[in-house]
Structure formats: structure tokens, C-alpha cells
């Protein structure tokens, strides 16, 4: 009865930012569980490399260009996906950025850029995909947030932490509005995951030590740690879950 509960056969997944460290792992997981996968990003070459790597799964794949902060670019992305595949079932928002500086010295242009990419970019892709899913009366949207959406950090993250808090509440808001259409909207909030985005922080031995000491499971996360949560939220296994922020953090928030 339940042996197919995590399967995604016949579904079409779109991953803005899917060529990144976390995104590429999620793309492979979704493909291996049966979804056709579209990798989208500013660099078509990077997106194509990930899409080509998924060919061995036997699923249909595509690489497309998108600038998530440009409404017209996002509209074209969704239009092309629906034109090629006929539907859009899963959106996984993997795009994100950060800039580190003391709050009292934080350049306002950088602050705006972080908010634009992390918040506006998430909204625009959700909005465009949501329109298709509402018409279909089904769909699952998964936003990549962070434990820092609910926890501050003793570093210069005066843009990143509020941007992820906004992603969390945007997730809840869209989930509430779109529930009548059977469109589910959830977020995954990891702790530090070993990607280029935080490489400079994790390169500091003292910071890594202090970080792992605060994580009950005793290690920093890796992209593969996010795959199971993504498949769960994309699949029928989570059909009664929406508006949820799923913490994938090795237990760090349990100790706060």
C-alpha cells in the first residue's frame, strides 16, 4: 500500500539554483525517485553540466537560464517548462546569496542585493510556478531557508538572517493562500552545509570547532543531508503537510 509513497514518477521538477552544491544533490535525488528535472540558473553551462549528469537516471532533463530577480526572466522559465513538459509539479528554490560585514558598516547596496535574491527571488519563482499549480490544482513548492531564519549569529549577517526569516513567513503565507488549490508550500531550514557559500567561514578552524560543538550530532551538514527532506516534501508522503519549516540541523535548534 505504501511502497510508492515517495515516488515522483510523472512529475516535473524545476530547480532554480539547481547547479549549486545543494541544488545538484537535490536534482539527482528527485530524478532518481522518478521526476523529470529542469535545472535553471544564471549560467546555462553550469546548469547543462548538472542536467547532463542526470542522464544516467533515465529521466528527461533540461537546462535553462533564469535571473530570479527579474520577473520577465522567471515568467519565461516557467512558460518554457510548461511548453516542453506540459506541467510543473515541483519547485525547489535553491538560489541564495549572502554578504558578511558588521551591521554598523554593512553596505546598503549589498544588503539590498541579499534581500533581492533571497526574498524577492523566492517570491517571484513561487508566484510564477504557483499560477501553473493553481490551474493544475496540485503542486509542491519547497523553499531553501536556514536555521538562521530563526536564530541570530555572532557574525555580520544583518542581511542574511532577516532574509531567511522573510522566506519562512513567505512560505507560511503562500501555504495558507494556496491550500484551497492543493498547492503545498514548505521550507527546509538547514544548519551550516558544506558549500562554497559558507566555505570562508568553515575554513576557520576555530569557527568550525565552535560550530560542531553546538551541533548535537557533532558534524557540519553536507548536501546529501537535504535530499531526503526534499523528496519527502515533494512526494505524496507529505500530502497533508503545508506551511511547515523543516529543520535539518543535527539538533542545533533543540539546544537553544
Protein backbone atom coordinates (compact mmCIF):
# COMPACT_ATOMS: atom_id res chain seq x y z
CA UNK A 1 0.00 0.00 0.00
CA UNK A 2 2.76 2.43 0.90
CA UNK A 3 5.67 1.18 -1.18
CA UNK A 4 5.25 4.00 -3.75
CA UNK A 5 4.63 6.78 -1.25
CA UNK A 6 7.91 8.58 -2.01
CA UNK A 7 7.85 8.06 -5.78
CA UNK A 8 7.75 11.05 -8.14
CA UNK A 9 7.08 9.30 -11.44
CA UNK A 10 5.36 11.53 -13.98
CA UNK A 11 6.21 14.68 -12.04
CA UNK A 12 8.17 17.65 -13.38
CA UNK A 13 10.55 19.41 -11.00
CA UNK A 14 12.18 22.81 -11.55
CA UNK A 15 15.21 23.85 -9.51
CA UNK A 16 16.34 27.48 -9.77
CA UNK A 17 19.89 27.34 -8.45
CA UNK A 18 19.99 23.62 -9.15
CA UNK A 19 23.59 23.77 -10.38
CA UNK A 20 24.88 24.71 -6.93
CA UNK A 21 26.29 22.39 -4.30
CA UNK A 22 22.98 21.71 -2.58
CA UNK A 23 20.87 22.07 -5.73
CA UNK A 24 22.78 19.46 -7.72
CA UNK A 25 22.34 16.89 -4.94
CA UNK A 26 18.61 17.63 -4.73
CA UNK A 27 18.25 17.38 -8.51
CA UNK A 28 19.80 13.92 -8.52
CA UNK A 29 17.60 12.75 -5.66
CA UNK A 30 14.44 13.94 -7.39
CA UNK A 31 15.49 12.30 -10.67
CA UNK A 32 16.36 9.01 -9.01
CA UNK A 33 12.88 8.97 -7.45
CA UNK A 34 11.27 9.40 -10.87
CA UNK A 35 10.87 13.12 -11.58
CA UNK A 36 11.83 14.84 -14.80
CA UNK A 37 14.15 17.67 -13.79
CA UNK A 38 14.81 21.18 -15.08
CA UNK A 39 17.97 22.88 -13.82
CA UNK A 40 17.82 26.68 -14.04
CA UNK A 41 20.42 29.30 -13.24
CA UNK A 42 22.29 32.36 -14.41
CA UNK A 43 24.88 30.11 -16.07
CA UNK A 44 23.34 27.77 -18.63
CA UNK A 45 26.68 25.99 -18.92
CA UNK A 46 26.69 25.02 -15.24
CA UNK A 47 23.02 24.05 -15.41
CA UNK A 48 23.66 21.93 -18.50
CA UNK A 49 26.53 20.11 -16.79
CA UNK A 50 24.23 19.04 -13.96
CA UNK A 51 21.41 18.14 -16.36
CA UNK A 52 23.78 16.00 -18.45
CA UNK A 53 24.99 14.24 -15.31
CA UNK A 54 21.41 13.18 -14.60
CA UNK A 55 21.04 11.45 -17.98
CA UNK A 56 22.03 8.13 -16.42
CA UNK A 57 18.84 8.17 -14.32
CA UNK A 58 16.77 7.79 -17.47
CA UNK A 59 14.69 10.85 -16.69
CA UNK A 60 14.11 13.78 -19.03
CA UNK A 61 16.27 16.75 -18.11
CA UNK A 62 16.68 20.30 -19.32
CA UNK A 63 18.94 23.27 -18.58
CA UNK A 64 17.53 26.78 -18.78
CA UNK A 65 18.67 30.29 -17.98
CA UNK A 66 16.98 32.39 -15.31
CA UNK A 67 17.61 35.53 -13.30
CA UNK A 68 15.34 35.04 -10.31
CA UNK A 69 15.17 38.75 -9.51
CA UNK A 70 13.77 39.56 -12.98
CA UNK A 71 10.01 38.87 -13.24
CA UNK A 72 10.17 38.53 -17.02
CA UNK A 73 13.03 36.03 -16.87
CA UNK A 74 11.14 33.95 -14.30
CA UNK A 75 7.98 34.10 -16.42
CA UNK A 76 9.89 32.83 -19.46
CA UNK A 77 11.40 29.99 -17.43
CA UNK A 78 8.02 28.71 -16.27
CA UNK A 79 6.48 29.21 -19.71
CA UNK A 80 9.25 27.16 -21.35
CA UNK A 81 8.98 24.36 -18.78
CA UNK A 82 5.23 24.06 -19.30
CA UNK A 83 5.70 24.29 -23.06
CA UNK A 84 8.19 21.42 -23.07
CA UNK A 85 6.73 19.17 -20.36
CA UNK A 86 3.08 20.18 -20.24
CA UNK A 87 3.05 20.71 -16.48
CA UNK A 88 5.03 21.83 -13.43
CA UNK A 89 4.63 19.81 -10.25
CA UNK A 90 7.59 20.61 -8.01
CA UNK A 91 9.52 23.82 -7.47
CA UNK A 92 12.64 23.72 -5.32
CA UNK A 93 14.10 27.17 -4.73
CA UNK A 94 17.85 26.69 -4.26
CA UNK A 95 19.02 30.20 -5.13
CA UNK A 96 20.61 32.17 -2.32
CA UNK A 97 23.39 34.56 -1.50
CA UNK A 98 24.98 36.27 1.47
CA UNK A 99 27.34 39.08 2.32
CA UNK A 100 29.23 39.43 5.58
CA UNK A 101 30.00 42.73 7.29
CA UNK A 102 29.45 44.28 10.73
CA UNK A 103 25.94 45.71 10.93
CA UNK A 104 27.22 49.23 11.59
CA UNK A 105 29.32 49.08 8.42
CA UNK A 106 27.07 46.95 6.19
CA UNK A 107 26.94 48.48 2.66
CA UNK A 108 23.32 49.19 1.83
CA UNK A 109 23.72 48.05 -1.78
CA UNK A 110 24.90 44.64 -0.55
CA UNK A 111 22.06 44.48 1.98
CA UNK A 112 19.57 45.16 -0.79
CA UNK A 113 21.19 42.54 -3.03
CA UNK A 114 20.88 39.81 -0.39
CA UNK A 115 17.24 40.67 0.21
CA UNK A 116 16.55 40.90 -3.51
CA UNK A 117 17.97 37.46 -4.29
CA UNK A 118 16.84 35.59 -1.18
CA UNK A 119 13.41 37.13 -0.70
CA UNK A 120 12.27 38.72 -3.96
CA UNK A 121 13.78 35.87 -5.99
CA UNK A 122 11.93 33.31 -3.89
CA UNK A 123 8.68 35.22 -4.20
CA UNK A 124 8.90 35.63 -7.97
CA UNK A 125 9.62 31.96 -8.66
CA UNK A 126 6.89 30.87 -6.23
CA UNK A 127 4.43 33.26 -7.84
CA UNK A 128 5.11 32.12 -11.40
CA UNK A 129 5.10 28.42 -10.54
CA UNK A 130 2.14 28.88 -8.23
CA UNK A 131 -0.03 30.20 -11.06
CA UNK A 132 0.55 26.98 -13.01
CA UNK A 133 -0.01 24.79 -9.96
CA UNK A 134 -3.23 26.59 -9.05
CA UNK A 135 -4.54 25.89 -12.55
CA UNK A 136 -3.50 22.23 -12.17
CA UNK A 137 -5.00 22.08 -8.68
CA UNK A 138 -1.81 20.42 -7.43
CA UNK A 139 1.84 21.12 -6.74
CA UNK A 140 4.59 21.23 -4.16
CA UNK A 141 6.88 24.20 -3.56
CA UNK A 142 9.97 23.81 -1.39
CA UNK A 143 11.99 26.86 -0.38
CA UNK A 144 15.53 26.55 0.94
CA UNK A 145 15.71 28.56 4.14
CA UNK A 146 18.13 28.29 7.07
CA UNK A 147 18.15 27.82 10.82
CA UNK A 148 19.36 31.43 10.73
CA UNK A 149 15.83 32.39 9.81
CA UNK A 150 15.02 31.96 13.47
CA UNK A 151 18.44 32.23 15.13
CA UNK A 152 20.88 35.12 15.03
CA UNK A 153 24.62 34.57 14.72
CA UNK A 154 27.58 36.43 16.18
CA UNK A 155 28.88 37.48 12.80
CA UNK A 156 27.97 40.14 10.26
CA UNK A 157 24.80 38.58 8.87
CA UNK A 158 22.48 41.59 9.18
CA UNK A 159 21.06 40.82 5.73
CA UNK A 160 21.13 37.02 5.57
CA UNK A 161 19.28 36.21 8.80
CA UNK A 162 16.35 38.58 8.18
CA UNK A 163 16.16 37.41 4.56
CA UNK A 164 15.67 33.82 5.69
CA UNK A 165 13.13 34.87 8.31
CA UNK A 166 11.22 36.51 5.47
CA UNK A 167 11.44 33.30 3.41
CA UNK A 168 9.94 31.38 6.33
CA UNK A 169 6.96 33.68 6.68
CA UNK A 170 6.51 33.93 2.91
CA UNK A 171 6.34 30.13 2.90
CA UNK A 172 3.61 30.15 5.55
CA UNK A 173 1.68 32.90 3.79
CA UNK A 174 1.68 31.18 0.40
CA UNK A 175 0.79 27.85 2.02
CA UNK A 176 -2.25 29.49 3.62
CA UNK A 177 -3.39 31.21 0.43
CA UNK A 178 -2.87 28.28 -1.90
CA UNK A 179 -4.08 25.40 0.26
CA UNK A 180 -7.57 25.53 -1.33
CA UNK A 181 -5.92 24.66 -4.65
CA UNK A 182 -3.99 21.69 -3.21
CA UNK A 183 -0.72 23.57 -3.71
CA UNK A 184 1.58 22.86 -0.79
CA UNK A 185 4.36 25.26 0.21
CA UNK A 186 7.04 24.24 2.70
CA UNK A 187 10.62 25.15 3.51
CA UNK A 188 13.74 23.30 4.57
CA UNK A 189 15.94 25.08 7.10
CA UNK A 190 19.40 23.51 7.35
CA UNK A 191 22.23 24.43 9.64
CA UNK A 192 25.63 25.01 8.01
CA UNK A 193 26.03 22.86 4.91
CA UNK A 194 29.44 22.49 3.28
CA UNK A 195 29.04 24.56 0.11
CA UNK A 196 31.01 27.41 -1.48
CA UNK A 197 28.56 29.87 0.08
CA UNK A 198 29.97 29.27 3.56
CA UNK A 199 33.42 27.97 2.64
CA UNK A 200 35.16 31.04 4.03
CA UNK A 201 33.52 30.56 7.41
CA UNK A 202 34.17 26.84 7.62
CA UNK A 203 37.81 27.37 6.63
CA UNK A 204 38.34 28.99 10.03
CA UNK A 205 39.33 26.06 12.32
CA UNK A 206 38.14 27.83 15.44
CA UNK A 207 34.77 28.63 13.92
CA UNK A 208 34.32 25.04 12.67
CA UNK A 209 35.20 23.71 16.10
CA UNK A 210 32.77 26.01 17.88
CA UNK A 211 30.08 25.20 15.32
CA UNK A 212 30.36 21.43 15.59
CA UNK A 213 30.39 21.69 19.39
CA UNK A 214 26.96 23.34 19.21
CA UNK A 215 25.52 20.64 16.91
CA UNK A 216 24.42 17.60 18.93
CA UNK A 217 25.20 15.20 16.06
CA UNK A 218 28.75 16.58 16.12
CA UNK A 219 29.32 17.50 12.47
CA UNK A 220 28.54 20.05 9.80
CA UNK A 221 25.91 19.07 7.25
CA UNK A 222 26.59 18.06 3.65
CA UNK A 223 24.29 18.48 0.61
CA UNK A 224 23.18 14.84 0.77
CA UNK A 225 21.62 15.55 4.16
CA UNK A 226 18.98 17.72 2.45
CA UNK A 227 17.96 15.17 -0.18
CA UNK A 228 15.66 13.02 1.97
CA UNK A 229 13.75 16.02 3.30
CA UNK A 230 13.26 17.32 -0.24
CA UNK A 231 11.96 14.03 -1.61
CA UNK A 232 9.62 13.76 1.39
CA UNK A 233 8.15 17.24 0.89
CA UNK A 234 7.87 16.76 -2.88
CA UNK A 235 6.15 13.39 -2.66
CA UNK A 236 2.74 12.01 -1.64
CA UNK A 237 4.33 11.08 1.70
CA UNK A 238 3.81 14.69 2.82
CA UNK A 239 0.40 15.27 1.23
CA UNK A 240 -1.05 16.65 4.50
CA UNK A 241 1.87 18.95 5.27
CA UNK A 242 1.97 22.59 4.23
CA UNK A 243 3.29 25.80 5.75
CA UNK A 244 5.97 23.84 7.59
CA UNK A 245 9.61 24.83 8.13
CA UNK A 246 11.51 21.54 8.35
CA UNK A 247 14.71 21.92 10.37
CA UNK A 248 17.59 19.81 9.10
CA UNK A 249 20.18 20.91 11.63
CA UNK A 250 21.69 17.98 13.51
CA UNK A 251 19.72 19.06 16.56
CA UNK A 252 21.23 22.53 16.93
CA UNK A 253 17.91 24.31 17.43
CA UNK A 254 16.89 21.79 20.09
CA UNK A 255 19.67 23.13 22.33
CA UNK A 256 18.86 26.85 22.02
